[in-house]
């Protein structure tokens, strides 16, 4: 069985109204400035908030992307 690690992390984030009201260019900057995810020096995709690994291979990243894309029809549009 895979080992899971539990950590407590102090974080900062935008609340829902702020995120919803954010202009697309501001949100794009938020995403592109590695505020959600980044690739570390070992070429591992990680959460910027907690630092945990998201994907270690391109194939795993494709699975993450497909999962995120599955949310598309559920989210509201402006």
PDB file of N, CA and C in Angstrom:
ATOM      1  N   UNK A   1       0.845  -1.180   0.000  1.00  0.00           N
ATOM      2  CA  UNK A   1       0.000   0.000   0.000  1.00  0.00           C
ATOM      3  C   UNK A   1       0.891   1.245   0.000  1.00  0.00           C
ATOM      4  N   UNK A   2       0.477   2.250  -0.732  1.00  0.00           N
ATOM      5  CA  UNK A   2       1.229   3.489  -0.828  1.00  0.00           C
ATOM      6  C   UNK A   2       1.215   4.214   0.517  1.00  0.00           C
ATOM      7  N   UNK A   3       2.344   4.813   0.847  1.00  0.00           N
ATOM      8  CA  UNK A   3       2.459   5.560   2.099  1.00  0.00           C
ATOM      9  C   UNK A   3       1.972   6.985   1.893  1.00  0.00           C
ATOM     10  N   UNK A   4       1.145   7.456   2.809  1.00  0.00           N
ATOM     11  CA  UNK A   4       0.673   8.837   2.780  1.00  0.00           C
ATOM     12  C   UNK A   4       1.291   9.579   3.949  1.00  0.00           C
ATOM     13  N   UNK A   5       1.559  10.844   3.741  1.00  0.00           N
ATOM     14  CA  UNK A   5       2.168  11.692   4.763  1.00  0.00           C
ATOM     15  C   UNK A   5       1.188  12.797   5.086  1.00  0.00           C
ATOM     16  N   UNK A   6       0.992  13.089   6.357  1.00  0.00           N
ATOM     17  CA  UNK A   6       0.096  14.161   6.766  1.00  0.00           C
ATOM     18  C   UNK A   6       0.936  15.328   7.282  1.00  0.00           C
ATOM     19  N   UNK A   7       0.683  16.523   6.733  1.00  0.00           N
ATOM     20  CA  UNK A   7       1.401  17.722   7.166  1.00  0.00           C
ATOM     21  C   UNK A   7       0.404  18.840   7.413  1.00  0.00           C
ATOM     22  N   UNK A   8       0.746  19.721   8.301  1.00  0.00           N
ATOM     23  CA  UNK A   8      -0.041  20.924   8.541  1.00  0.00           C
ATOM     24  C   UNK A   8       0.768  22.098   8.023  1.00  0.00           C
ATOM     25  N   UNK A   9       0.135  22.905   7.164  1.00  0.00           N
ATOM     26  CA  UNK A   9       0.837  23.994   6.499  1.00  0.00           C
ATOM     27  C   UNK A   9       0.021  25.268   6.653  1.00  0.00           C
ATOM     28  N   UNK A  10       0.700  26.355   7.019  1.00  0.00           N
ATOM     29  CA  UNK A  10       0.055  27.659   7.047  1.00  0.00           C
ATOM     30  C   UNK A  10       0.087  28.215   5.630  1.00  0.00           C
ATOM     31  N   UNK A  11      -1.067  28.632   5.118  1.00  0.00           N
ATOM     32  CA  UNK A  11      -1.146  29.065   3.725  1.00  0.00           C
ATOM     33  C   UNK A  11      -1.875  30.393   3.594  1.00  0.00           C
ATOM     34  N   UNK A  12      -1.706  30.990   2.437  1.00  0.00           N
ATOM     35  CA  UNK A  12      -2.470  32.164   2.039  1.00  0.00           C
ATOM     36  C   UNK A  12      -3.170  31.821   0.741  1.00  0.00           C
ATOM     37  N   UNK A  13      -4.374  32.301   0.550  1.00  0.00           N
ATOM     38  CA  UNK A  13      -5.109  32.078  -0.679  1.00  0.00           C
ATOM     39  C   UNK A  13      -6.146  33.166  -0.846  1.00  0.00           C
ATOM     40  N   UNK A  14      -6.767  33.211  -2.017  1.00  0.00           N
ATOM     41  CA  UNK A  14      -7.846  34.162  -2.275  1.00  0.00           C
ATOM     42  C   UNK A  14      -9.158  33.532  -1.844  1.00  0.00           C
ATOM     43  N   UNK A  15     -10.050  34.332  -1.248  1.00  0.00           N
ATOM     44  CA  UNK A  15     -11.368  33.813  -0.932  1.00  0.00           C
ATOM     45  C   UNK A  15     -12.191  33.716  -2.220  1.00  0.00           C
ATOM     46  N   UNK A  16     -13.340  33.053  -2.153  1.00  0.00           N
ATOM     47  CA  UNK A  16     -14.146  32.797  -3.343  1.00  0.00           C
ATOM     48  C   UNK A  16     -14.597  34.085  -4.031  1.00  0.00           C
ATOM     49  N   UNK A  17     -15.151  35.074  -3.310  1.00  0.00           N
ATOM     50  CA  UNK A  17     -15.569  36.297  -4.009  1.00  0.00           C
ATOM     51  C   UNK A  17     -14.412  37.015  -4.708  1.00  0.00           C
ATOM     52  N   UNK A  18     -13.245  37.063  -4.071  1.00  0.00           N
ATOM     53  CA  UNK A  18     -12.086  37.716  -4.687  1.00  0.00           C
ATOM     54  C   UNK A  18     -11.654  36.967  -5.937  1.00  0.00           C
ATOM     55  N   UNK A  19     -11.583  35.647  -5.839  1.00  0.00           N
ATOM     56  CA  UNK A  19     -11.178  34.837  -6.989  1.00  0.00           C
ATOM     57  C   UNK A  19     -12.192  34.967  -8.122  1.00  0.00           C
ATOM     58  N   UNK A  20     -13.477  34.957  -7.794  1.00  0.00           N
ATOM     59  CA  UNK A  20     -14.514  35.077  -8.816  1.00  0.00           C
ATOM     60  C   UNK A  20     -14.457  36.427  -9.525  1.00  0.00           C
ATOM     61  N   UNK A  21     -14.191  37.489  -8.772  1.00  0.00           N
ATOM     62  CA  UNK A  21     -14.137  38.836  -9.344  1.00  0.00           C
ATOM     63  C   UNK A  21     -12.809  39.152 -10.041  1.00  0.00           C
ATOM     64  N   UNK A  22     -11.831  38.278  -9.916  1.00  0.00           N
ATOM     65  CA  UNK A  22     -10.519  38.514 -10.500  1.00  0.00           C
ATOM     66  C   UNK A  22     -10.624  38.518 -12.031  1.00  0.00           C
ATOM     67  N   UNK A  23     -10.008  39.515 -12.633  1.00  0.00           N
ATOM     68  CA  UNK A  23      -9.961  39.562 -14.099  1.00  0.00           C
ATOM     69  C   UNK A  23      -9.168  38.357 -14.613  1.00  0.00           C
ATOM     70  N   UNK A  24      -9.467  37.938 -15.838  1.00  0.00           N
ATOM     71  CA  UNK A  24      -8.781  36.781 -16.407  1.00  0.00           C
ATOM     72  C   UNK A  24      -7.271  36.977 -16.474  1.00  0.00           C
ATOM     73  N   UNK A  25      -6.824  38.202 -16.805  1.00  0.00           N
ATOM     74  CA  UNK A  25      -5.378  38.437 -16.877  1.00  0.00           C
ATOM     75  C   UNK A  25      -4.731  38.350 -15.494  1.00  0.00           C
ATOM     76  N   UNK A  26      -5.450  38.785 -14.453  1.00  0.00           N
ATOM     77  CA  UNK A  26      -4.932  38.661 -13.085  1.00  0.00           C
ATOM     78  C   UNK A  26      -4.862  37.192 -12.678  1.00  0.00           C
ATOM     79  N   UNK A  27      -5.894  36.439 -13.017  1.00  0.00           N
ATOM     80  CA  UNK A  27      -5.898  35.016 -12.690  1.00  0.00           C
ATOM     81  C   UNK A  27      -4.793  34.281 -13.436  1.00  0.00           C
ATOM     82  N   UNK A  28      -4.609  34.637 -14.695  1.00  0.00           N
ATOM     83  CA  UNK A  28      -3.542  34.011 -15.481  1.00  0.00           C
ATOM     84  C   UNK A  28      -2.177  34.290 -14.847  1.00  0.00           C
ATOM     85  N   UNK A  29      -1.965  35.513 -14.383  1.00  0.00           N
ATOM     86  CA  UNK A  29      -0.707  35.863 -13.709  1.00  0.00           C
ATOM     87  C   UNK A  29      -0.565  35.036 -12.422  1.00  0.00           C
ATOM     88  N   UNK A  30      -1.647  34.893 -11.681  1.00  0.00           N
ATOM     89  CA  UNK A  30      -1.666  34.094 -10.449  1.00  0.00           C
ATOM     90  C   UNK A  30      -1.227  32.658 -10.746  1.00  0.00           C
ATOM     91  N   UNK A  31      -1.767  32.073 -11.809  1.00  0.00           N
ATOM     92  CA  UNK A  31      -1.411  30.701 -12.179  1.00  0.00           C
ATOM     93  C   UNK A  31       0.025  30.637 -12.706  1.00  0.00           C
ATOM     94  N   UNK A  32       0.392  31.566 -13.589  1.00  0.00           N
ATOM     95  CA  UNK A  32       1.715  31.535 -14.212  1.00  0.00           C
ATOM     96  C   UNK A  32       2.850  31.913 -13.269  1.00  0.00           C
ATOM     97  N   UNK A  33       2.542  32.591 -12.178  1.00  0.00           N
ATOM     98  CA  UNK A  33       3.578  32.961 -11.203  1.00  0.00           C
ATOM     99  C   UNK A  33       3.837  31.848 -10.198  1.00  0.00           C
ATOM    100  N   UNK A  34       3.455  30.638 -10.550  1.00  0.00           N
ATOM    101  CA  UNK A  34       3.689  29.450  -9.712  1.00  0.00           C
ATOM    102  C   UNK A  34       3.006  29.550  -8.355  1.00  0.00           C
ATOM    103  N   UNK A  35       1.880  30.236  -8.286  1.00  0.00           N
ATOM    104  CA  UNK A  35       1.176  30.354  -7.015  1.00  0.00           C
ATOM    105  C   UNK A  35       0.289  29.143  -6.733  1.00  0.00           C
ATOM    106  N   UNK A  36       0.061  28.290  -7.728  1.00  0.00           N
ATOM    107  CA  UNK A  36      -0.715  27.064  -7.516  1.00  0.00           C
ATOM    108  C   UNK A  36       0.165  25.829  -7.630  1.00  0.00           C
ATOM    109  N   UNK A  37       0.974  25.786  -8.689  1.00  0.00           N
ATOM    110  CA  UNK A  37       1.843  24.637  -8.953  1.00  0.00           C
ATOM    111  C   UNK A  37       3.198  25.128  -9.447  1.00  0.00           C
ATOM    112  N   UNK A  38       4.207  24.307  -9.268  1.00  0.00           N
ATOM    113  CA  UNK A  38       5.524  24.599  -9.820  1.00  0.00           C
ATOM    114  C   UNK A  38       6.253  23.278 -10.050  1.00  0.00           C
ATOM    115  N   UNK A  39       7.330  23.328 -10.823  1.00  0.00           N
ATOM    116  CA  UNK A  39       8.183  22.160 -11.039  1.00  0.00           C
ATOM    117  C   UNK A  39       9.479  22.416 -10.291  1.00  0.00           C
ATOM    118  N   UNK A  40       9.827  21.487  -9.399  1.00  0.00           N
ATOM    119  CA  UNK A  40      11.027  21.669  -8.579  1.00  0.00           C
ATOM    120  C   UNK A  40      12.290  21.259  -9.335  1.00  0.00           C
ATOM    121  N   UNK A  41      13.443  21.351  -8.674  1.00  0.00           N
ATOM    122  CA  UNK A  41      14.722  21.058  -9.316  1.00  0.00           C
ATOM    123  C   UNK A  41      14.909  19.568  -9.632  1.00  0.00           C
ATOM    124  N   UNK A  42      14.009  18.711  -9.112  1.00  0.00           N
ATOM    125  CA  UNK A  42      14.035  17.285  -9.446  1.00  0.00           C
ATOM    126  C   UNK A  42      13.043  16.952 -10.564  1.00  0.00           C
ATOM    127  N   UNK A  43      12.446  17.997 -11.163  1.00  0.00           N
ATOM    128  CA  UNK A  43      11.469  17.864 -12.245  1.00  0.00           C
ATOM    129  C   UNK A  43      10.190  17.178 -11.768  1.00  0.00           C
ATOM    130  N   UNK A  44       9.765  17.522 -10.543  1.00  0.00           N
ATOM    131  CA  UNK A  44       8.538  17.022  -9.945  1.00  0.00           C
ATOM    132  C   UNK A  44       7.544  18.173  -9.880  1.00  0.00           C
ATOM    133  N   UNK A  45       6.315  17.960 -10.370  1.00  0.00           N
ATOM    134  CA  UNK A  45       5.260  18.976 -10.250  1.00  0.00           C
ATOM    135  C   UNK A  45       4.756  18.958  -8.809  1.00  0.00           C
ATOM    136  N   UNK A  46       4.727  20.141  -8.192  1.00  0.00           N
ATOM    137  CA  UNK A  46       4.350  20.240  -6.781  1.00  0.00           C
ATOM    138  C   UNK A  46       3.286  21.302  -6.566  1.00  0.00           C
ATOM    139  N   UNK A  47       2.570  21.158  -5.463  1.00  0.00           N
ATOM    140  CA  UNK A  47       1.641  22.178  -4.995  1.00  0.00           C
ATOM    141  C   UNK A  47       2.452  23.324  -4.413  1.00  0.00           C
ATOM    142  N   UNK A  48       2.184  24.537  -4.865  1.00  0.00           N
ATOM    143  CA  UNK A  48       2.885  25.688  -4.289  1.00  0.00           C
ATOM    144  C   UNK A  48       2.403  25.964  -2.875  1.00  0.00           C
ATOM    145  N   UNK A  49       1.170  25.642  -2.584  1.00  0.00           N
ATOM    146  CA  UNK A  49       0.596  25.933  -1.273  1.00  0.00           C
ATOM    147  C   UNK A  49       1.184  25.028  -0.201  1.00  0.00           C
ATOM    148  N   UNK A  50       1.192  23.723  -0.452  1.00  0.00           N
ATOM    149  CA  UNK A  50       1.645  22.783   0.572  1.00  0.00           C
ATOM    150  C   UNK A  50       2.987  22.141   0.257  1.00  0.00           C
ATOM    151  N   UNK A  51       3.437  22.254  -0.989  1.00  0.00           N
ATOM    152  CA  UNK A  51       4.724  21.683  -1.361  1.00  0.00           C
ATOM    153  C   UNK A  51       4.688  20.202  -1.685  1.00  0.00           C
ATOM    154  N   UNK A  52       3.525  19.571  -1.589  1.00  0.00           N
ATOM    155  CA  UNK A  52       3.481  18.134  -1.851  1.00  0.00           C
ATOM    156  C   UNK A  52       3.544  17.858  -3.353  1.00  0.00           C
ATOM    157  N   UNK A  53       4.020  16.673  -3.739  1.00  0.00           N
ATOM    158  CA  UNK A  53       4.121  16.343  -5.156  1.00  0.00           C
ATOM    159  C   UNK A  53       2.742  16.120  -5.772  1.00  0.00           C
ATOM    160  N   UNK A  54       2.556  16.625  -6.994  1.00  0.00           N
ATOM    161  CA  UNK A  54       1.324  16.447  -7.765  1.00  0.00           C
ATOM    162  C   UNK A  54       1.516  15.337  -8.790  1.00  0.00           C
ATOM    163  N   UNK A  55       2.648  15.356  -9.477  1.00  0.00           N
ATOM    164  CA  UNK A  55       2.945  14.356 -10.504  1.00  0.00           C
ATOM    165  C   UNK A  55       4.447  14.241 -10.659  1.00  0.00           C
ATOM    166  N   UNK A  56       4.898  13.020 -10.904  1.00  0.00           N
ATOM    167  CA  UNK A  56       6.331  12.791 -11.078  1.00  0.00           C
ATOM    168  C   UNK A  56       6.694  12.419 -12.517  1.00  0.00           C
ATOM    169  N   UNK A  57       5.675  12.184 -13.353  1.00  0.00           N
ATOM    170  CA  UNK A  57       5.911  11.845 -14.759  1.00  0.00           C
ATOM    171  C   UNK A  57       4.920  12.607 -15.637  1.00  0.00           C
ATOM    172  N   UNK A  58       5.221  12.678 -16.919  1.00  0.00           N
ATOM    173  CA  UNK A  58       4.296  13.316 -17.863  1.00  0.00           C
ATOM    174  C   UNK A  58       2.971  12.565 -17.902  1.00  0.00           C
ATOM    175  N   UNK A  59       3.039  11.240 -17.784  1.00  0.00           N
ATOM    176  CA  UNK A  59       1.819  10.438 -17.806  1.00  0.00           C
ATOM    177  C   UNK A  59       0.926  10.754 -16.603  1.00  0.00           C
ATOM    178  N   UNK A  60       1.532  10.910 -15.429  1.00  0.00           N
ATOM    179  CA  UNK A  60       0.756  11.298 -14.251  1.00  0.00           C
ATOM    180  C   UNK A  60       0.169  12.692 -14.417  1.00  0.00           C
ATOM    181  N   UNK A  61       0.944  13.615 -14.999  1.00  0.00           N
ATOM    182  CA  UNK A  61       0.442  14.961 -15.232  1.00  0.00           C
ATOM    183  C   UNK A  61      -0.744  14.939 -16.192  1.00  0.00           C
ATOM    184  N   UNK A  62      -0.690  14.090 -17.213  1.00  0.00           N
ATOM    185  CA  UNK A  62      -1.826  13.956 -18.133  1.00  0.00           C
ATOM    186  C   UNK A  62      -3.082  13.502 -17.391  1.00  0.00           C
ATOM    187  N   UNK A  63      -2.930  12.626 -16.420  1.00  0.00           N
ATOM    188  CA  UNK A  63      -4.063  12.159 -15.618  1.00  0.00           C
ATOM    189  C   UNK A  63      -4.622  13.312 -14.786  1.00  0.00           C
ATOM    190  N   UNK A  64      -3.737  14.122 -14.194  1.00  0.00           N
ATOM    191  CA  UNK A  64      -4.178  15.289 -13.414  1.00  0.00           C
ATOM    192  C   UNK A  64      -4.927  16.270 -14.316  1.00  0.00           C
ATOM    193  N   UNK A  65      -4.389  16.538 -15.496  1.00  0.00           N
ATOM    194  CA  UNK A  65      -5.020  17.470 -16.430  1.00  0.00           C
ATOM    195  C   UNK A  65      -6.398  16.946 -16.838  1.00  0.00           C
ATOM    196  N   UNK A  66      -6.503  15.658 -17.146  1.00  0.00           N
ATOM    197  CA  UNK A  66      -7.796  15.074 -17.518  1.00  0.00           C
ATOM    198  C   UNK A  66      -8.800  15.211 -16.365  1.00  0.00           C
ATOM    199  N   UNK A  67      -8.323  15.033 -15.144  1.00  0.00           N
ATOM    200  CA  UNK A  67      -9.207  15.182 -13.981  1.00  0.00           C
ATOM    201  C   UNK A  67      -9.699  16.620 -13.861  1.00  0.00           C
ATOM    202  N   UNK A  68      -8.810  17.580 -14.027  1.00  0.00           N
ATOM    203  CA  UNK A  68      -9.213  18.984 -13.979  1.00  0.00           C
ATOM    204  C   UNK A  68     -10.187  19.311 -15.105  1.00  0.00           C
ATOM    205  N   UNK A  69      -9.932  18.779 -16.291  1.00  0.00           N
ATOM    206  CA  UNK A  69     -10.835  19.027 -17.415  1.00  0.00           C
ATOM    207  C   UNK A  69     -12.224  18.457 -17.159  1.00  0.00           C
ATOM    208  N   UNK A  70     -12.325  17.412 -16.347  1.00  0.00           N
ATOM    209  CA  UNK A  70     -13.631  16.827 -16.039  1.00  0.00           C
ATOM    210  C   UNK A  70     -14.490  17.793 -15.210  1.00  0.00           C
ATOM    211  N   UNK A  71     -13.886  18.802 -14.592  1.00  0.00           N
ATOM    212  CA  UNK A  71     -14.625  19.800 -13.827  1.00  0.00           C
ATOM    213  C   UNK A  71     -15.281  20.849 -14.722  1.00  0.00           C
ATOM    214  N   UNK A  72     -14.837  20.966 -15.964  1.00  0.00           N
ATOM    215  CA  UNK A  72     -15.238  22.060 -16.850  1.00  0.00           C
ATOM    216  C   UNK A  72     -16.753  22.230 -16.928  1.00  0.00           C
ATOM    217  N   UNK A  73     -17.508  21.169 -17.110  1.00  0.00           N
ATOM    218  CA  UNK A  73     -18.959  21.278 -17.270  1.00  0.00           C
ATOM    219  C   UNK A  73     -19.667  21.566 -15.946  1.00  0.00           C
ATOM    220  N   UNK A  74     -18.991  21.373 -14.830  1.00  0.00           N
ATOM    221  CA  UNK A  74     -19.589  21.589 -13.522  1.00  0.00           C
ATOM    222  C   UNK A  74     -19.455  23.038 -13.060  1.00  0.00           C
ATOM    223  N   UNK A  75     -18.370  23.699 -13.445  1.00  0.00           N
ATOM    224  CA  UNK A  75     -18.118  25.064 -12.998  1.00  0.00           C
ATOM    225  C   UNK A  75     -19.028  26.051 -13.718  1.00  0.00           C
ATOM    226  N   UNK A  76     -19.359  27.112 -13.029  1.00  0.00           N
ATOM    227  CA  UNK A  76     -20.186  28.151 -13.643  1.00  0.00           C
ATOM    228  C   UNK A  76     -19.330  29.052 -14.535  1.00  0.00           C
ATOM    229  N   UNK A  77     -19.983  29.698 -15.450  1.00  0.00           N
ATOM    230  CA  UNK A  77     -19.329  30.681 -16.313  1.00  0.00           C
ATOM    231  C   UNK A  77     -19.724  32.070 -15.860  1.00  0.00           C
ATOM    232  N   UNK A  78     -18.907  33.034 -16.257  1.00  0.00           N
ATOM    233  CA  UNK A  78     -19.264  34.427 -15.956  1.00  0.00           C
ATOM    234  C   UNK A  78     -20.270  34.913 -16.947  1.00  0.00           C
TER     235      UNK A  78
END
